Amino acid sequence: LHEQLSDLALDPEAIVHASTSGGTHAGLLVGRALTDRRVRIIGID
C-alpha cells in the first residue's frame, strides 16, 4: 500500500479497518514502522 500511495502521491490521514483478534492491526503497525509514513491506523472492534 505504501508503494501504491507513493506512486499516486497520496498521503492518507488514516487507514480504517475492522478488527477482532488483532493480526491486521498489528501488521499495519509493523508495516508503518518500516516506512516513513505517518498515518493513523484505526481499528473498528
All heavy atoms as atom14 arrays in JSON, in Angstrom:
{
  "sequence": "LHEQLSDLALDPEAIVHASTSGGTHAGLLVGRALTDRRVRIIGID",
  "atom14_mask": [
    [1, 1, 1, 1, 1, 1, 1, 1, 0, 0, 0, 0, 0, 0],
    [1, 1, 1, 1, 1, 1, 1, 1, 1, 1, 0, 0, 0, 0],
    [1, 1, 1, 1, 1, 1, 1, 1, 1, 0, 0, 0, 0, 0],
    [1, 1, 1, 1, 1, 1, 1, 1, 1, 0, 0, 0, 0, 0],
    [1, 1, 1, 1, 1, 1, 1, 1, 0, 0, 0, 0, 0, 0],
    [1, 1, 1, 1, 1, 1, 0, 0, 0, 0, 0, 0, 0, 0],
    [1, 1, 1, 1, 1, 1, 1, 1, 0, 0, 0, 0, 0, 0],
    [1, 1, 1, 1, 1, 1, 1, 1, 0, 0, 0, 0, 0, 0],
    [1, 1, 1, 1, 1, 0, 0, 0, 0, 0, 0, 0, 0, 0],
    [1, 1, 1, 1, 1, 1, 1, 1, 0, 0, 0, 0, 0, 0],
    [1, 1, 1, 1, 1, 1, 1, 1, 0, 0, 0, 0, 0, 0],
    [1, 1, 1, 1, 1, 1, 1, 0, 0, 0, 0, 0, 0, 0],
    [1, 1, 1, 1, 1, 1, 1, 1, 1, 0, 0, 0, 0, 0],
    [1, 1, 1, 1, 1, 0, 0, 0, 0, 0, 0, 0, 0, 0],
    [1, 1, 1, 1, 1, 1, 1, 1, 0, 0, 0, 0, 0, 0],
    [1, 1, 1, 1, 1, 1, 1, 0, 0, 0, 0, 0, 0, 0],
    [1, 1, 1, 1, 1, 1, 1, 1, 1, 1, 0, 0, 0, 0],
    [1, 1, 1, 1, 1, 0, 0, 0, 0, 0, 0, 0, 0, 0],
    [1, 1, 1, 1, 1, 1, 0, 0, 0, 0, 0, 0, 0, 0],
    [1, 1, 1, 1, 1, 1, 1, 0, 0, 0, 0, 0, 0, 0],
    [1, 1, 1, 1, 1, 1, 0, 0, 0, 0, 0, 0, 0, 0],
    [1, 1, 1, 1, 0, 0, 0, 0, 0, 0, 0, 0, 0, 0],
    [1, 1, 1, 1, 0, 0, 0, 0, 0, 0, 0, 0, 0, 0],
    [1, 1, 1, 1, 1, 1, 1, 0, 0, 0, 0, 0, 0, 0],
    [1, 1, 1, 1, 1, 1, 1, 1, 1, 1, 0, 0, 0, 0],
    [1, 1, 1, 1, 1, 0, 0, 0, 0, 0, 0, 0, 0, 0],
    [1, 1, 1, 1, 0, 0, 0, 0, 0, 0, 0, 0, 0, 0],
    [1, 1, 1, 1, 1, 1, 1, 1, 0, 0, 0, 0, 0, 0],
    [1, 1, 1, 1, 1, 1, 1, 1, 0, 0, 0, 0, 0, 0],
    [1, 1, 1, 1, 1, 1, 1, 0, 0, 0, 0, 0, 0, 0],
    [1, 1, 1, 1, 0, 0, 0, 0, 0, 0, 0, 0, 0, 0],
    [1, 1, 1, 1, 1, 1, 1, 1, 1, 1, 1, 0, 0, 0],
    [1, 1, 1, 1, 1, 0, 0, 0, 0, 0, 0, 0, 0, 0],
    [1, 1, 1, 1, 1, 1, 1, 1, 0, 0, 0, 0, 0, 0],
    [1, 1, 1, 1, 1, 1, 1, 0, 0, 0, 0, 0, 0, 0],
    [1, 1, 1, 1, 1, 1, 1, 1, 0, 0, 0, 0, 0, 0],
    [1, 1, 1, 1, 1, 1, 1, 1, 1, 1, 1, 0, 0, 0],
    [1, 1, 1, 1, 1, 1, 1, 1, 1, 1, 1, 0, 0, 0],
    [1, 1, 1, 1, 1, 1, 1, 0, 0, 0, 0, 0, 0, 0],
    [1, 1, 1, 1, 1, 1, 1, 1, 1, 1, 1, 0, 0, 0],
    [1, 1, 1, 1, 1, 1, 1, 1, 0, 0, 0, 0, 0, 0],
    [1, 1, 1, 1, 1, 1, 1, 1, 0, 0, 0, 0, 0, 0],
    [1, 1, 1, 1, 0, 0, 0, 0, 0, 0, 0, 0, 0, 0],
    [1, 1, 1, 1, 1, 1, 1, 1, 0, 0, 0, 0, 0, 0],
    [1, 1, 1, 1, 1, 1, 1, 1, 0, 0, 0, 0, 0, 0]
  ],
  "atom14_positions": [
    [[0.83, -1.2, 0.0], [0.0, 0.0, 0.0], [0.87, 1.26, 0.0], [0.6, 2.21, -0.74], [-0.92, 0.01, 1.23], [-1.75, 1.29, 1.41], [-2.76, 1.46, 0.27], [-2.45, 1.26, 2.77], [0.0, 0.0, 0.0], [0.0, 0.0, 0.0], [0.0, 0.0, 0.0], [0.0, 0.0, 0.0], [0.0, 0.0, 0.0], [0.0, 0.0, 0.0]],
    [[1.91, 1.26, 0.8], [2.84, 2.4, 0.87], [3.4, 2.72, -0.52], [3.44, 3.89, -0.93], [3.97, 2.09, 1.86], [5.06, 3.1, 1.91], [4.88, 4.36, 2.42], [6.35, 3.04, 1.49], [6.02, 5.04, 2.33], [6.92, 4.25, 1.76], [0.0, 0.0, 0.0], [0.0, 0.0, 0.0], [0.0, 0.0, 0.0], [0.0, 0.0, 0.0]],
    [[3.79, 1.7, -1.23], [4.33, 1.89, -2.58], [3.27, 2.46, -3.52], [3.53, 3.38, -4.29], [4.85, 0.55, -3.11], [5.54, 0.66, -4.45], [6.11, -0.68, -4.88], [6.81, -1.32, -4.08], [5.84, -1.07, -6.04], [0.0, 0.0, 0.0], [0.0, 0.0, 0.0], [0.0, 0.0, 0.0], [0.0, 0.0, 0.0], [0.0, 0.0, 0.0]],
    [[2.07, 1.92, -3.46], [0.99, 2.4, -4.32], [0.65, 3.86, -4.01], [0.46, 4.67, -4.92], [-0.25, 1.53, -4.15], [-0.09, 0.13, -4.68], [-1.26, -0.77, -4.3], [-2.2, -0.36, -3.61], [-1.19, -2.02, -4.72], [0.0, 0.0, 0.0], [0.0, 0.0, 0.0], [0.0, 0.0, 0.0], [0.0, 0.0, 0.0], [0.0, 0.0, 0.0]],
    [[0.57, 4.2, -2.73], [0.26, 5.58, -2.34], [1.37, 6.52, -2.79], [1.09, 7.64, -3.25], [0.05, 5.67, -0.83], [-1.2, 4.97, -0.3], [-1.17, 4.93, 1.23], [-2.47, 5.63, -0.8], [0.0, 0.0, 0.0], [0.0, 0.0, 0.0], [0.0, 0.0, 0.0], [0.0, 0.0, 0.0], [0.0, 0.0, 0.0], [0.0, 0.0, 0.0]],
    [[2.62, 6.08, -2.65], [3.75, 6.91, -3.09], [3.69, 7.15, -4.59], [3.9, 8.28, -5.05], [5.07, 6.25, -2.7], [5.19, 6.17, -1.3], [0.0, 0.0, 0.0], [0.0, 0.0, 0.0], [0.0, 0.0, 0.0], [0.0, 0.0, 0.0], [0.0, 0.0, 0.0], [0.0, 0.0, 0.0], [0.0, 0.0, 0.0], [0.0, 0.0, 0.0]],
    [[3.39, 6.11, -5.36], [3.27, 6.24, -6.82], [2.18, 7.24, -7.21], [2.29, 7.93, -8.22], [2.98, 4.89, -7.47], [4.16, 3.94, -7.45], [5.3, 4.38, -7.13], [3.95, 2.74, -7.73], [0.0, 0.0, 0.0], [0.0, 0.0, 0.0], [0.0, 0.0, 0.0], [0.0, 0.0, 0.0], [0.0, 0.0, 0.0], [0.0, 0.0, 0.0]],
    [[1.13, 7.29, -6.41], [0.0, 8.19, -6.69], [0.13, 9.55, -5.99], [-0.76, 10.39, -6.12], [-1.31, 7.52, -6.27], [-1.68, 6.26, -7.02], [-2.84, 5.54, -6.34], [-2.02, 6.59, -8.47], [0.0, 0.0, 0.0], [0.0, 0.0, 0.0], [0.0, 0.0, 0.0], [0.0, 0.0, 0.0], [0.0, 0.0, 0.0], [0.0, 0.0, 0.0]],
    [[1.19, 9.73, -5.24], [1.41, 10.95, -4.46], [0.23, 11.23, -3.52], [-0.2, 12.36, -3.36], [1.69, 12.15, -5.37], [0.0, 0.0, 0.0], [0.0, 0.0, 0.0], [0.0, 0.0, 0.0], [0.0, 0.0, 0.0], [0.0, 0.0, 0.0], [0.0, 0.0, 0.0], [0.0, 0.0, 0.0], [0.0, 0.0, 0.0], [0.0, 0.0, 0.0]],
    [[-0.27, 10.17, -2.9], [-1.36, 10.31, -1.93], [-0.82, 10.11, -0.53], [0.02, 9.23, -0.29], [-2.45, 9.27, -2.2], [-3.32, 9.49, -3.42], [-4.25, 8.31, -3.63], [-4.12, 10.78, -3.29], [0.0, 0.0, 0.0], [0.0, 0.0, 0.0], [0.0, 0.0, 0.0], [0.0, 0.0, 0.0], [0.0, 0.0, 0.0], [0.0, 0.0, 0.0]],
    [[-1.33, 10.9, 0.39], [-0.91, 10.81, 1.79], [-2.16, 10.73, 2.65], [-2.68, 11.75, 3.1], [-0.07, 12.02, 2.15], [0.62, 11.87, 3.49], [0.82, 10.72, 3.94], [0.95, 12.9, 4.1], [0.0, 0.0, 0.0], [0.0, 0.0, 0.0], [0.0, 0.0, 0.0], [0.0, 0.0, 0.0], [0.0, 0.0, 0.0], [0.0, 0.0, 0.0]],
    [[-2.68, 9.51, 2.89], [-3.92, 9.4, 3.65], [-3.75, 9.81, 5.1], [-2.69, 9.62, 5.7], [-4.29, 7.92, 3.53], [-3.0, 7.23, 3.31], [-2.14, 8.2, 2.53], [0.0, 0.0, 0.0], [0.0, 0.0, 0.0], [0.0, 0.0, 0.0], [0.0, 0.0, 0.0], [0.0, 0.0, 0.0], [0.0, 0.0, 0.0], [0.0, 0.0, 0.0]],
    [[-4.82, 10.33, 5.63], [-4.86, 10.7, 7.04], [-4.91, 9.45, 7.92], [-4.34, 9.42, 9.0], [-6.1, 11.55, 7.29], [-6.35, 11.9, 8.72], [-7.65, 12.67, 8.93], [-8.36, 12.97, 7.95], [-7.95, 12.96, 10.1], [0.0, 0.0, 0.0], [0.0, 0.0, 0.0], [0.0, 0.0, 0.0], [0.0, 0.0, 0.0], [0.0, 0.0, 0.0]],
    [[-5.62, 8.42, 7.44], [-5.83, 7.23, 8.26], [-6.09, 6.01, 7.4], [-6.49, 6.12, 6.24], [-7.01, 7.43, 9.21], [0.0, 0.0, 0.0], [0.0, 0.0, 0.0], [0.0, 0.0, 0.0], [0.0, 0.0, 0.0], [0.0, 0.0, 0.0], [0.0, 0.0, 0.0], [0.0, 0.0, 0.0], [0.0, 0.0, 0.0], [0.0, 0.0, 0.0]],
    [[-5.84, 4.86, 8.0], [-6.27, 3.57, 7.48], [-7.25, 3.04, 8.51], [-6.93, 2.92, 9.68], [-5.09, 2.58, 7.33], [-4.05, 3.13, 6.34], [-5.59, 1.21, 6.9], [-2.76, 2.33, 6.31], [0.0, 0.0, 0.0], [0.0, 0.0, 0.0], [0.0, 0.0, 0.0], [0.0, 0.0, 0.0], [0.0, 0.0, 0.0], [0.0, 0.0, 0.0]],
    [[-8.46, 2.73, 8.06], [-9.52, 2.25, 8.95], [-9.84, 0.81, 8.56], [-9.95, 0.5, 7.37], [-10.77, 3.14, 8.85], [-11.9, 2.6, 9.72], [-10.44, 4.58, 9.21], [0.0, 0.0, 0.0], [0.0, 0.0, 0.0], [0.0, 0.0, 0.0], [0.0, 0.0, 0.0], [0.0, 0.0, 0.0], [0.0, 0.0, 0.0], [0.0, 0.0, 0.0]],
    [[-9.98, -0.06, 9.55], [-10.26, -1.47, 9.26], [-11.07, -2.08, 10.4], [-11.04, -1.61, 11.53], [-8.94, -2.25, 9.1], [-8.15, -2.3, 10.36], [-8.23, -3.34, 11.25], [-7.27, -1.41, 10.9], [-7.43, -3.1, 12.27], [-6.83, -1.93, 12.09], [0.0, 0.0, 0.0], [0.0, 0.0, 0.0], [0.0, 0.0, 0.0], [0.0, 0.0, 0.0]],
    [[-11.77, -3.17, 10.07], [-12.45, -3.96, 11.1], [-11.4, -4.76, 11.85], [-10.41, -5.19, 11.28], [-13.48, -4.89, 10.46], [0.0, 0.0, 0.0], [0.0, 0.0, 0.0], [0.0, 0.0, 0.0], [0.0, 0.0, 0.0], [0.0, 0.0, 0.0], [0.0, 0.0, 0.0], [0.0, 0.0, 0.0], [0.0, 0.0, 0.0], [0.0, 0.0, 0.0]],
    [[-11.63, -4.96, 13.13], [-10.64, -5.65, 13.96], [-11.32, -6.63, 14.9], [-12.37, -6.32, 15.47], [-9.85, -4.62, 14.78], [-8.84, -5.24, 15.51], [0.0, 0.0, 0.0], [0.0, 0.0, 0.0], [0.0, 0.0, 0.0], [0.0, 0.0, 0.0], [0.0, 0.0, 0.0], [0.0, 0.0, 0.0], [0.0, 0.0, 0.0], [0.0, 0.0, 0.0]],
    [[-10.71, -7.8, 15.03], [-11.18, -8.76, 16.04], [-9.98, -9.27, 16.83], [-9.67, -8.77, 17.88], [-11.98, -9.93, 15.42], [-11.23, -10.53, 14.36], [-13.32, -9.47, 14.9], [0.0, 0.0, 0.0], [0.0, 0.0, 0.0], [0.0, 0.0, 0.0], [0.0, 0.0, 0.0], [0.0, 0.0, 0.0], [0.0, 0.0, 0.0], [0.0, 0.0, 0.0]],
    [[-9.26, -10.24, 16.27], [-8.16, -10.85, 17.02], [-6.84, -10.08, 16.91], [-5.91, -10.37, 17.64], [-7.96, -12.3, 16.6], [-7.68, -12.37, 15.22], [0.0, 0.0, 0.0], [0.0, 0.0, 0.0], [0.0, 0.0, 0.0], [0.0, 0.0, 0.0], [0.0, 0.0, 0.0], [0.0, 0.0, 0.0], [0.0, 0.0, 0.0], [0.0, 0.0, 0.0]],
    [[-6.75, -9.11, 16.02], [-5.63, -8.17, 16.05], [-4.54, -8.32, 15.02], [-3.66, -7.48, 14.94], [0.0, 0.0, 0.0], [0.0, 0.0, 0.0], [0.0, 0.0, 0.0], [0.0, 0.0, 0.0], [0.0, 0.0, 0.0], [0.0, 0.0, 0.0], [0.0, 0.0, 0.0], [0.0, 0.0, 0.0], [0.0, 0.0, 0.0], [0.0, 0.0, 0.0]],
    [[-4.55, -9.38, 14.21], [-3.49, -9.57, 13.24], [-3.37, -8.45, 12.23], [-2.27, -8.01, 11.89], [0.0, 0.0, 0.0], [0.0, 0.0, 0.0], [0.0, 0.0, 0.0], [0.0, 0.0, 0.0], [0.0, 0.0, 0.0], [0.0, 0.0, 0.0], [0.0, 0.0, 0.0], [0.0, 0.0, 0.0], [0.0, 0.0, 0.0], [0.0, 0.0, 0.0]],
    [[-4.5, -7.98, 11.74], [-4.48, -6.89, 10.76], [-3.88, -5.65, 11.38], [-2.95, -5.05, 10.84], [-5.91, -6.59, 10.25], [-6.47, -7.76, 9.69], [-5.9, -5.46, 9.24], [0.0, 0.0, 0.0], [0.0, 0.0, 0.0], [0.0, 0.0, 0.0], [0.0, 0.0, 0.0], [0.0, 0.0, 0.0], [0.0, 0.0, 0.0], [0.0, 0.0, 0.0]],
    [[-4.4, -5.24, 12.52], [-3.95, -4.0, 13.16], [-2.46, -4.07, 13.5], [-1.7, -3.16, 13.2], [-4.77, -3.75, 14.42], [-4.74, -2.32, 14.85], [-5.88, -1.57, 14.97], [-3.72, -1.49, 15.17], [-5.56, -0.34, 15.37], [-4.25, -0.28, 15.48], [0.0, 0.0, 0.0], [0.0, 0.0, 0.0], [0.0, 0.0, 0.0], [0.0, 0.0, 0.0]],
    [[-2.05, -5.18, 14.11], [-0.64, -5.32, 14.49], [0.25, -5.3, 13.25], [1.32, -4.67, 13.25], [-0.45, -6.61, 15.28], [0.0, 0.0, 0.0], [0.0, 0.0, 0.0], [0.0, 0.0, 0.0], [0.0, 0.0, 0.0], [0.0, 0.0, 0.0], [0.0, 0.0, 0.0], [0.0, 0.0, 0.0], [0.0, 0.0, 0.0], [0.0, 0.0, 0.0]],
    [[-0.17, -5.96, 12.19], [0.62, -5.96, 10.96], [0.73, -4.6, 10.33], [1.8, -4.22, 9.82], [0.0, 0.0, 0.0], [0.0, 0.0, 0.0], [0.0, 0.0, 0.0], [0.0, 0.0, 0.0], [0.0, 0.0, 0.0], [0.0, 0.0, 0.0], [0.0, 0.0, 0.0], [0.0, 0.0, 0.0], [0.0, 0.0, 0.0], [0.0, 0.0, 0.0]],
    [[-0.35, -3.85, 10.36], [-0.29, -2.48, 9.82], [0.66, -1.62, 10.64], [1.39, -0.78, 10.09], [-1.69, -1.87, 9.76], [-2.67, -2.56, 8.81], [-4.06, -1.94, 8.94], [-2.18, -2.51, 7.37], [0.0, 0.0, 0.0], [0.0, 0.0, 0.0], [0.0, 0.0, 0.0], [0.0, 0.0, 0.0], [0.0, 0.0, 0.0], [0.0, 0.0, 0.0]],
    [[0.68, -1.82, 11.95], [1.63, -1.08, 12.8], [3.07, -1.44, 12.44], [3.94, -0.55, 12.35], [1.37, -1.38, 14.28], [0.08, -0.85, 14.87], [-0.14, -1.41, 16.27], [0.07, 0.68, 14.9], [0.0, 0.0, 0.0], [0.0, 0.0, 0.0], [0.0, 0.0, 0.0], [0.0, 0.0, 0.0], [0.0, 0.0, 0.0], [0.0, 0.0, 0.0]],
    [[3.35, -2.72, 12.23], [4.7, -3.14, 11.86], [5.07, -2.56, 10.5], [6.16, -2.01, 10.31], [4.82, -4.69, 11.85], [6.17, -5.12, 11.28], [4.64, -5.24, 13.26], [0.0, 0.0, 0.0], [0.0, 0.0, 0.0], [0.0, 0.0, 0.0], [0.0, 0.0, 0.0], [0.0, 0.0, 0.0], [0.0, 0.0, 0.0], [0.0, 0.0, 0.0]],
    [[4.16, -2.67, 9.54], [4.43, -2.11, 8.22], [4.71, -0.63, 8.26], [5.64, -0.14, 7.62], [0.0, 0.0, 0.0], [0.0, 0.0, 0.0], [0.0, 0.0, 0.0], [0.0, 0.0, 0.0], [0.0, 0.0, 0.0], [0.0, 0.0, 0.0], [0.0, 0.0, 0.0], [0.0, 0.0, 0.0], [0.0, 0.0, 0.0], [0.0, 0.0, 0.0]],
    [[3.91, 0.08, 9.04], [4.13, 1.53, 9.17], [5.5, 1.81, 9.76], [6.19, 2.73, 9.34], [3.03, 2.15, 10.02], [3.15, 3.68, 10.13], [2.11, 4.26, 11.03], [2.35, 3.79, 12.4], [1.54, 4.05, 13.4], [0.43, 4.74, 13.22], [1.81, 3.61, 14.62], [0.0, 0.0, 0.0], [0.0, 0.0, 0.0], [0.0, 0.0, 0.0]],
    [[5.92, 1.01, 10.74], [7.22, 1.21, 11.39], [8.37, 1.01, 10.4], [9.46, 1.53, 10.62], [7.37, 0.27, 12.58], [0.0, 0.0, 0.0], [0.0, 0.0, 0.0], [0.0, 0.0, 0.0], [0.0, 0.0, 0.0], [0.0, 0.0, 0.0], [0.0, 0.0, 0.0], [0.0, 0.0, 0.0], [0.0, 0.0, 0.0], [0.0, 0.0, 0.0]],
    [[8.12, 0.27, 9.33], [9.15, 0.03, 8.33], [9.25, 1.14, 7.29], [10.11, 1.09, 6.41], [8.89, -1.3, 7.62], [9.04, -2.55, 8.49], [8.49, -3.77, 7.77], [10.5, -2.75, 8.88], [0.0, 0.0, 0.0], [0.0, 0.0, 0.0], [0.0, 0.0, 0.0], [0.0, 0.0, 0.0], [0.0, 0.0, 0.0], [0.0, 0.0, 0.0]],
    [[8.36, 2.12, 7.38], [8.33, 3.22, 6.41], [8.43, 4.55, 7.14], [8.44, 4.6, 8.37], [7.02, 3.21, 5.6], [5.93, 3.61, 6.44], [6.73, 1.83, 5.0], [0.0, 0.0, 0.0], [0.0, 0.0, 0.0], [0.0, 0.0, 0.0], [0.0, 0.0, 0.0], [0.0, 0.0, 0.0], [0.0, 0.0, 0.0], [0.0, 0.0, 0.0]],
    [[8.44, 5.59, 6.36], [8.42, 6.94, 6.93], [7.0, 7.52, 6.94], [6.81, 8.69, 7.23], [9.36, 7.87, 6.14], [8.98, 7.98, 4.68], [8.09, 7.22, 4.21], [9.57, 8.83, 3.98], [0.0, 0.0, 0.0], [0.0, 0.0, 0.0], [0.0, 0.0, 0.0], [0.0, 0.0, 0.0], [0.0, 0.0, 0.0], [0.0, 0.0, 0.0]],
    [[6.03, 6.71, 6.61], [4.65, 7.18, 6.52], [4.05, 7.33, 7.92], [4.07, 6.43, 8.72], [3.82, 6.19, 5.7], [2.46, 6.74, 5.33], [1.77, 5.9, 4.3], [2.44, 5.86, 3.02], [2.33, 6.8, 2.08], [1.59, 7.85, 2.29], [2.97, 6.67, 0.94], [0.0, 0.0, 0.0], [0.0, 0.0, 0.0], [0.0, 0.0, 0.0]],
    [[3.52, 8.48, 8.21], [2.85, 8.77, 9.48], [1.36, 8.8, 9.24], [0.8, 9.83, 8.94], [3.32, 10.11, 10.07], [4.8, 10.16, 10.42], [5.17, 9.24, 11.56], [5.44, 7.9, 11.03], [5.7, 6.81, 11.73], [5.73, 6.83, 13.02], [5.92, 5.66, 11.16], [0.0, 0.0, 0.0], [0.0, 0.0, 0.0], [0.0, 0.0, 0.0]],
    [[0.72, 7.7, 9.35], [-0.71, 7.58, 9.11], [-1.35, 6.94, 10.33], [-0.78, 6.03, 10.93], [-0.97, 6.74, 7.82], [-0.39, 5.34, 7.92], [-2.44, 6.71, 7.46], [0.0, 0.0, 0.0], [0.0, 0.0, 0.0], [0.0, 0.0, 0.0], [0.0, 0.0, 0.0], [0.0, 0.0, 0.0], [0.0, 0.0, 0.0], [0.0, 0.0, 0.0]],
    [[-2.51, 7.45, 10.7], [-3.24, 6.82, 11.8], [-3.78, 5.48, 11.34], [-4.26, 5.35, 10.22], [-4.43, 7.7, 12.21], [-4.06, 8.94, 12.94], [-5.26, 9.86, 13.15], [-6.3, 9.29, 14.0], [-7.51, 9.81, 14.14], [-7.85, 10.91, 13.48], [-8.39, 9.25, 14.94], [0.0, 0.0, 0.0], [0.0, 0.0, 0.0], [0.0, 0.0, 0.0]],
    [[-3.69, 4.5, 12.21], [-4.26, 3.19, 11.94], [-5.37, 2.99, 12.97], [-5.09, 2.95, 14.17], [-3.19, 2.09, 12.01], [-2.13, 2.36, 10.94], [-3.83, 0.72, 11.86], [-0.9, 1.51, 11.06], [0.0, 0.0, 0.0], [0.0, 0.0, 0.0], [0.0, 0.0, 0.0], [0.0, 0.0, 0.0], [0.0, 0.0, 0.0], [0.0, 0.0, 0.0]],
    [[-6.6, 2.91, 12.48], [-7.76, 2.89, 13.36], [-8.5, 1.57, 13.17], [-9.04, 1.3, 12.1], [-8.7, 4.07, 13.09], [-7.94, 5.4, 13.17], [-9.89, 4.04, 14.05], [-8.73, 6.6, 12.68], [0.0, 0.0, 0.0], [0.0, 0.0, 0.0], [0.0, 0.0, 0.0], [0.0, 0.0, 0.0], [0.0, 0.0, 0.0], [0.0, 0.0, 0.0]],
    [[-8.52, 0.77, 14.22], [-9.27, -0.48, 14.19], [-10.67, -0.26, 14.74], [-10.85, 0.41, 15.76], [0.0, 0.0, 0.0], [0.0, 0.0, 0.0], [0.0, 0.0, 0.0], [0.0, 0.0, 0.0], [0.0, 0.0, 0.0], [0.0, 0.0, 0.0], [0.0, 0.0, 0.0], [0.0, 0.0, 0.0], [0.0, 0.0, 0.0], [0.0, 0.0, 0.0]],
    [[-11.65, -0.78, 14.03], [-13.04, -0.75, 14.5], [-13.33, -2.13, 15.06], [-13.47, -3.1, 14.31], [-14.02, -0.4, 13.35], [-13.59, 0.88, 12.62], [-15.44, -0.32, 13.9], [-13.55, 2.13, 13.48], [0.0, 0.0, 0.0], [0.0, 0.0, 0.0], [0.0, 0.0, 0.0], [0.0, 0.0, 0.0], [0.0, 0.0, 0.0], [0.0, 0.0, 0.0]],
    [[-13.39, -2.24, 16.38], [-13.52, -3.54, 17.03], [-14.89, -4.14, 16.75], [-15.92, -3.48, 16.93], [-13.3, -3.4, 18.53], [-13.03, -4.74, 19.18], [-13.96, -5.57, 19.25], [-11.89, -4.95, 19.59], [0.0, 0.0, 0.0], [0.0, 0.0, 0.0], [0.0, 0.0, 0.0], [0.0, 0.0, 0.0], [0.0, 0.0, 0.0], [0.0, 0.0, 0.0]]
  ]
}
